[in-house]
Amino acid sequence: QVQLVESGGGLVQAGGSLRLSCAASGSIFSINAMGWYRQSPGTQRELVATIPSGGSTNYADSVKDRFTISRDNAKNMVYLQMNGLKPEDTAVYYCNAAGVRLTTPQWAYHNYWGEGTQVTVSS
């Protein structure tokens, strides 16, 4: 019923920048929080940044002052501007939409994930 599609990943040299985008589509009434997570081989998926529909953003300490999350509520999109990329940022980046209410029924809340986009930072 709801799909999240990420784009913008790729290969970049250390110190470079990338901008990830995620579009949520389907029978969406509202989305509470949207965010980005990442996972490297052999590690658990970890939070990168989240942004609620209203309120302050939240970042992992490792990306503070380098990454910026933003969203367009009208378009159900979330973005991640990544500057000053480091080799340790290499991972699959996943988009998340939490507290999603569908057009029907509206009383239920759902959580959705995208399929991920690869970000590779070379040294």
N, C-alpha and C. Protein backbone atom coordinates (compact mmCIF):
# COMPACT_ATOMS: atom_id res chain seq x y z
N GLN A 1 0.81 -1.21 0.00
CA GLN A 1 0.00 0.00 0.00
C GLN A 1 0.85 1.26 0.00
N VAL A 2 2.02 1.19 0.60
CA VAL A 2 2.94 2.32 0.63
C VAL A 2 4.30 1.85 0.15
N GLN A 3 4.90 2.62 -0.72
CA GLN A 3 6.24 2.31 -1.20
C GLN A 3 7.17 3.48 -0.92
N LEU A 4 8.39 3.14 -0.54
CA LEU A 4 9.44 4.14 -0.38
C LEU A 4 10.52 3.84 -1.40
N VAL A 5 10.88 4.83 -2.18
CA VAL A 5 11.89 4.64 -3.22
C VAL A 5 13.01 5.65 -3.02
N GLU A 6 14.22 5.12 -2.77
CA GLU A 6 15.38 5.97 -2.58
C GLU A 6 16.10 6.21 -3.89
N SER A 7 16.82 7.31 -3.97
CA SER A 7 17.67 7.59 -5.13
C SER A 7 18.79 8.52 -4.67
N GLY A 8 19.84 8.59 -5.50
CA GLY A 8 20.92 9.52 -5.22
C GLY A 8 22.21 8.91 -4.72
N GLY A 9 22.20 7.60 -4.48
CA GLY A 9 23.42 6.97 -4.03
C GLY A 9 24.45 6.88 -5.15
N GLY A 10 25.66 6.46 -4.79
CA GLY A 10 26.70 6.32 -5.79
C GLY A 10 28.07 6.26 -5.18
N LEU A 11 29.06 6.44 -6.04
CA LEU A 11 30.47 6.39 -5.64
C LEU A 11 31.02 7.82 -5.63
N VAL A 12 31.67 8.17 -4.54
CA VAL A 12 32.23 9.51 -4.40
C VAL A 12 33.54 9.43 -3.66
N GLN A 13 34.43 10.36 -3.92
CA GLN A 13 35.71 10.40 -3.21
C GLN A 13 35.52 11.03 -1.83
N ALA A 14 36.42 10.68 -0.94
CA ALA A 14 36.38 11.25 0.40
C ALA A 14 36.42 12.78 0.31
N GLY A 15 35.58 13.40 1.13
CA GLY A 15 35.44 14.85 1.10
C GLY A 15 34.35 15.35 0.18
N GLY A 16 33.81 14.46 -0.63
CA GLY A 16 32.77 14.84 -1.58
C GLY A 16 31.40 14.87 -0.96
N SER A 17 30.40 15.11 -1.81
CA SER A 17 29.02 15.25 -1.36
C SER A 17 28.08 14.39 -2.19
N LEU A 18 26.99 13.99 -1.57
CA LEU A 18 25.89 13.32 -2.24
C LEU A 18 24.59 13.79 -1.61
N ARG A 19 23.52 13.73 -2.39
CA ARG A 19 22.20 14.06 -1.86
C ARG A 19 21.26 12.89 -2.14
N LEU A 20 20.77 12.29 -1.08
CA LEU A 20 19.81 11.20 -1.20
C LEU A 20 18.39 11.75 -1.15
N SER A 21 17.53 11.11 -1.92
CA SER A 21 16.11 11.46 -1.91
C SER A 21 15.29 10.20 -1.68
N CYS A 22 14.14 10.38 -1.06
CA CYS A 22 13.23 9.26 -0.83
C CYS A 22 11.81 9.76 -1.04
N ALA A 23 11.09 9.05 -1.90
CA ALA A 23 9.71 9.41 -2.18
C ALA A 23 8.78 8.33 -1.64
N ALA A 24 7.83 8.74 -0.84
CA ALA A 24 6.81 7.82 -0.33
C ALA A 24 5.55 7.97 -1.15
N SER A 25 5.01 6.84 -1.59
CA SER A 25 3.80 6.90 -2.40
C SER A 25 2.81 5.83 -1.95
N GLY A 26 1.56 6.05 -2.28
CA GLY A 26 0.52 5.10 -1.90
C GLY A 26 -0.62 5.81 -1.21
N SER A 27 -1.41 5.03 -0.49
CA SER A 27 -2.61 5.57 0.17
C SER A 27 -2.26 6.21 1.50
N ILE A 28 -1.50 7.28 1.43
CA ILE A 28 -0.97 7.94 2.63
C ILE A 28 -1.88 9.07 3.09
N PHE A 29 -2.26 9.03 4.37
CA PHE A 29 -2.99 10.15 4.96
C PHE A 29 -2.02 11.10 5.64
N SER A 30 -1.09 10.54 6.40
CA SER A 30 -0.08 11.37 7.05
C SER A 30 1.11 10.51 7.44
N ILE A 31 2.25 11.14 7.61
CA ILE A 31 3.47 10.48 8.06
C ILE A 31 4.00 11.23 9.26
N ASN A 32 4.25 10.52 10.35
CA ASN A 32 4.77 11.18 11.54
C ASN A 32 6.24 11.53 11.33
N ALA A 33 7.09 10.55 11.32
CA ALA A 33 8.53 10.80 11.19
C ALA A 33 9.09 10.11 9.96
N MET A 34 10.06 10.76 9.35
CA MET A 34 10.81 10.13 8.26
C MET A 34 12.28 10.17 8.63
N GLY A 35 13.03 9.23 8.09
CA GLY A 35 14.42 9.20 8.48
C GLY A 35 15.27 8.37 7.55
N TRP A 36 16.56 8.41 7.84
CA TRP A 36 17.55 7.62 7.10
C TRP A 36 18.34 6.76 8.09
N TYR A 37 18.55 5.53 7.68
CA TYR A 37 19.36 4.58 8.42
C TYR A 37 20.38 4.01 7.46
N ARG A 38 21.43 3.40 7.99
CA ARG A 38 22.43 2.79 7.11
C ARG A 38 22.93 1.50 7.71
N GLN A 39 23.44 0.65 6.83
CA GLN A 39 23.96 -0.65 7.26
C GLN A 39 25.14 -1.02 6.39
N SER A 40 26.24 -1.36 7.07
CA SER A 40 27.44 -1.85 6.39
C SER A 40 27.50 -3.36 6.57
N PRO A 41 28.23 -4.07 5.72
CA PRO A 41 28.33 -5.52 5.86
C PRO A 41 28.83 -5.92 7.25
N GLY A 42 28.14 -6.85 7.88
CA GLY A 42 28.56 -7.35 9.18
C GLY A 42 28.16 -6.46 10.35
N THR A 43 27.40 -5.42 10.09
CA THR A 43 26.98 -4.54 11.17
C THR A 43 25.46 -4.44 11.20
N GLN A 44 24.96 -3.92 12.31
CA GLN A 44 23.52 -3.70 12.43
C GLN A 44 23.13 -2.38 11.77
N ARG A 45 21.88 -2.33 11.36
CA ARG A 45 21.37 -1.09 10.79
C ARG A 45 21.38 -0.01 11.89
N GLU A 46 21.86 1.16 11.53
CA GLU A 46 21.97 2.23 12.51
C GLU A 46 21.29 3.50 12.03
N LEU A 47 20.83 4.28 12.98
CA LEU A 47 20.19 5.55 12.67
C LEU A 47 21.21 6.55 12.15
N VAL A 48 20.83 7.25 11.09
CA VAL A 48 21.64 8.35 10.59
C VAL A 48 21.00 9.68 11.00
N ALA A 49 19.72 9.84 10.63
CA ALA A 49 19.02 11.09 10.96
C ALA A 49 17.52 10.86 10.83
N THR A 50 16.77 11.56 11.66
CA THR A 50 15.31 11.51 11.57
C THR A 50 14.75 12.92 11.64
N ILE A 51 13.54 13.07 11.08
CA ILE A 51 12.88 14.36 11.10
C ILE A 51 11.39 14.13 11.27
N PRO A 52 10.79 14.64 12.33
CA PRO A 52 9.35 14.48 12.54
C PRO A 52 8.58 15.46 11.66
N SER A 53 7.27 15.29 11.64
CA SER A 53 6.44 16.19 10.84
C SER A 53 6.52 17.61 11.39
N GLY A 54 6.77 17.73 12.65
CA GLY A 54 6.98 19.04 13.26
C GLY A 54 7.93 18.87 14.42
N GLY A 55 8.92 19.75 14.55
CA GLY A 55 9.85 19.59 15.63
C GLY A 55 11.28 19.47 15.16
N SER A 56 12.17 19.17 16.07
CA SER A 56 13.59 19.20 15.78
C SER A 56 14.08 17.90 15.16
N THR A 57 15.14 18.01 14.41
CA THR A 57 15.77 16.85 13.78
C THR A 57 16.69 16.16 14.77
N ASN A 58 17.06 14.94 14.41
CA ASN A 58 17.93 14.14 15.26
C ASN A 58 18.99 13.49 14.38
N TYR A 59 20.25 13.54 14.82
CA TYR A 59 21.36 13.01 14.04
C TYR A 59 22.22 12.08 14.89
N ALA A 60 22.81 11.10 14.23
CA ALA A 60 23.85 10.31 14.87
C ALA A 60 25.06 11.21 15.09
N ASP A 61 25.77 10.98 16.18
CA ASP A 61 26.93 11.82 16.48
C ASP A 61 27.95 11.80 15.34
N SER A 62 28.05 10.66 14.65
CA SER A 62 29.07 10.49 13.61
C SER A 62 28.81 11.35 12.38
N VAL A 63 27.58 11.85 12.23
CA VAL A 63 27.27 12.62 11.02
C VAL A 63 26.89 14.06 11.31
N LYS A 64 26.81 14.40 12.59
CA LYS A 64 26.47 15.79 12.95
C LYS A 64 27.45 16.75 12.29
N ASP A 65 26.93 17.87 11.85
CA ASP A 65 27.70 18.94 11.21
C ASP A 65 28.17 18.58 9.81
N ARG A 66 27.85 17.39 9.33
CA ARG A 66 28.20 17.00 7.96
C ARG A 66 26.96 16.70 7.12
N PHE A 67 25.95 16.08 7.75
CA PHE A 67 24.73 15.67 7.05
C PHE A 67 23.57 16.57 7.47
N THR A 68 22.66 16.81 6.54
CA THR A 68 21.46 17.58 6.83
C THR A 68 20.24 16.86 6.27
N ILE A 69 19.27 16.61 7.15
CA ILE A 69 18.03 15.97 6.72
C ILE A 69 16.95 17.03 6.56
N SER A 70 16.11 16.84 5.55
CA SER A 70 15.00 17.76 5.33
C SER A 70 13.85 16.97 4.72
N ARG A 71 12.65 17.54 4.75
CA ARG A 71 11.51 16.85 4.16
C ARG A 71 10.54 17.84 3.54
N ASP A 72 9.79 17.32 2.58
CA ASP A 72 8.72 18.08 1.94
C ASP A 72 7.43 17.33 2.25
N ASN A 73 6.69 17.82 3.21
CA ASN A 73 5.49 17.11 3.65
C ASN A 73 4.44 17.02 2.54
N ALA A 74 4.34 18.06 1.73
CA ALA A 74 3.34 18.06 0.67
C ALA A 74 3.60 16.96 -0.36
N LYS A 75 4.88 16.64 -0.55
CA LYS A 75 5.26 15.63 -1.54
C LYS A 75 5.60 14.30 -0.90
N ASN A 76 5.53 14.21 0.42
CA ASN A 76 5.92 12.98 1.13
C ASN A 76 7.33 12.54 0.74
N MET A 77 8.24 13.50 0.78
CA MET A 77 9.62 13.20 0.43
C MET A 77 10.55 13.61 1.57
N VAL A 78 11.65 12.89 1.67
CA VAL A 78 12.69 13.21 2.63
C VAL A 78 14.03 13.18 1.91
N TYR A 79 14.93 14.06 2.34
CA TYR A 79 16.22 14.21 1.69
C TYR A 79 17.33 14.09 2.73
N LEU A 80 18.51 13.71 2.26
CA LEU A 80 19.68 13.69 3.11
C LEU A 80 20.84 14.28 2.32
N GLN A 81 21.25 15.47 2.69
CA GLN A 81 22.42 16.10 2.09
C GLN A 81 23.64 15.67 2.88
N MET A 82 24.57 15.03 2.20
CA MET A 82 25.75 14.49 2.86
C MET A 82 26.98 15.21 2.32
N ASN A 83 27.64 15.94 3.19
CA ASN A 83 28.87 16.66 2.84
C ASN A 83 30.04 16.11 3.63
N GLY A 84 31.23 16.36 3.17
CA GLY A 84 32.41 15.89 3.88
C GLY A 84 32.41 14.38 4.08
N LEU A 85 32.03 13.64 3.05
CA LEU A 85 31.90 12.19 3.18
C LEU A 85 33.23 11.53 3.50
N LYS A 86 33.16 10.49 4.32
CA LYS A 86 34.33 9.73 4.75
C LYS A 86 34.15 8.28 4.32
N PRO A 87 35.25 7.54 4.18
CA PRO A 87 35.13 6.12 3.82
C PRO A 87 34.24 5.34 4.78
N GLU A 88 34.23 5.72 6.05
CA GLU A 88 33.39 5.02 7.02
C GLU A 88 31.90 5.31 6.85
N ASP A 89 31.55 6.23 5.96
CA ASP A 89 30.14 6.46 5.63
C ASP A 89 29.63 5.47 4.60
N THR A 90 30.53 4.66 4.06
CA THR A 90 30.14 3.66 3.06
C THR A 90 29.14 2.68 3.67
N ALA A 91 27.99 2.55 3.03
CA ALA A 91 26.92 1.68 3.54
C ALA A 91 25.76 1.71 2.56
N VAL A 92 24.80 0.82 2.80
CA VAL A 92 23.50 0.93 2.14
C VAL A 92 22.63 1.84 3.01
N TYR A 93 22.07 2.85 2.41
CA TYR A 93 21.25 3.82 3.13
C TYR A 93 19.77 3.52 2.87
N TYR A 94 19.03 3.39 3.96
CA TYR A 94 17.61 3.04 3.88
C TYR A 94 16.75 4.21 4.35
N CYS A 95 15.68 4.43 3.62
CA CYS A 95 14.69 5.43 4.00
C CYS A 95 13.63 4.76 4.87
N ASN A 96 13.17 5.47 5.88
CA ASN A 96 12.14 4.95 6.78
C ASN A 96 11.01 5.97 6.95
N ALA A 97 9.80 5.47 6.96
CA ALA A 97 8.63 6.31 7.28
C ALA A 97 7.91 5.64 8.44
N ALA A 98 7.81 6.36 9.55
CA ALA A 98 7.23 5.82 10.77
C ALA A 98 5.96 6.56 11.15
N GLY A 99 5.05 5.84 11.80
CA GLY A 99 3.79 6.46 12.19
C GLY A 99 2.98 6.89 11.00
N VAL A 100 2.92 6.01 10.00
CA VAL A 100 2.19 6.31 8.77
C VAL A 100 0.73 5.94 8.95
N ARG A 101 -0.14 6.89 8.70
CA ARG A 101 -1.57 6.63 8.71
C ARG A 101 -2.04 6.59 7.25
N LEU A 102 -2.77 5.55 6.93
CA LEU A 102 -3.30 5.40 5.58
C LEU A 102 -4.63 6.12 5.46
N THR A 103 -5.06 6.30 4.21
CA THR A 103 -6.34 6.98 3.99
C THR A 103 -7.49 6.18 4.58
N THR A 104 -7.32 4.85 4.59
CA THR A 104 -8.29 4.01 5.25
C THR A 104 -7.67 2.67 5.60
N PRO A 105 -7.78 2.19 6.82
CA PRO A 105 -8.34 2.93 7.96
C PRO A 105 -7.33 3.90 8.56
N GLN A 106 -7.77 5.00 9.10
CA GLN A 106 -6.87 6.02 9.60
C GLN A 106 -6.45 5.80 11.03
N TRP A 107 -7.03 4.83 11.72
CA TRP A 107 -6.72 4.65 13.13
C TRP A 107 -5.43 3.87 13.34
N ALA A 108 -4.95 3.19 12.31
CA ALA A 108 -3.77 2.34 12.44
C ALA A 108 -2.51 3.09 12.03
N TYR A 109 -1.40 2.77 12.67
CA TYR A 109 -0.11 3.36 12.36
C TYR A 109 0.81 2.27 11.82
N HIS A 110 1.58 2.62 10.81
CA HIS A 110 2.44 1.64 10.13
C HIS A 110 3.86 2.17 10.01
N ASN A 111 4.77 1.25 9.76
CA ASN A 111 6.18 1.57 9.59
C ASN A 111 6.65 0.96 8.29
N TYR A 112 7.33 1.75 7.45
CA TYR A 112 7.76 1.26 6.15
C TYR A 112 9.24 1.56 5.91
N TRP A 113 9.85 0.68 5.10
CA TRP A 113 11.25 0.83 4.71
C TRP A 113 11.38 0.81 3.20
N GLY A 114 12.36 1.56 2.70
CA GLY A 114 12.74 1.44 1.31
C GLY A 114 13.70 0.28 1.13
N GLU A 115 14.07 0.03 -0.12
CA GLU A 115 14.96 -1.10 -0.41
C GLU A 115 16.43 -0.73 -0.27
N GLY A 116 16.73 0.55 -0.14
CA GLY A 116 18.09 0.97 0.10
C GLY A 116 18.82 1.45 -1.14
N THR A 117 19.79 2.33 -0.92
CA THR A 117 20.63 2.80 -2.00
C THR A 117 22.08 2.79 -1.51
N GLN A 118 22.97 2.30 -2.34
CA GLN A 118 24.38 2.13 -1.95
C GLN A 118 25.13 3.46 -2.03
N VAL A 119 25.85 3.75 -0.98
CA VAL A 119 26.76 4.89 -0.95
C VAL A 119 28.16 4.34 -0.69
N THR A 120 29.08 4.63 -1.59
CA THR A 120 30.46 4.18 -1.46
C THR A 120 31.38 5.38 -1.51
N VAL A 121 32.21 5.51 -0.48
CA VAL A 121 33.15 6.62 -0.39
C VAL A 121 34.57 6.06 -0.47
N SER A 122 35.28 6.46 -1.48
CA SER A 122 36.65 5.97 -1.67
C SER A 122 37.65 6.91 -1.01
N SER A 123 38.74 6.32 -0.55
CA SER A 123 39.75 7.13 0.15
C SER A 123 40.79 7.67 -0.81
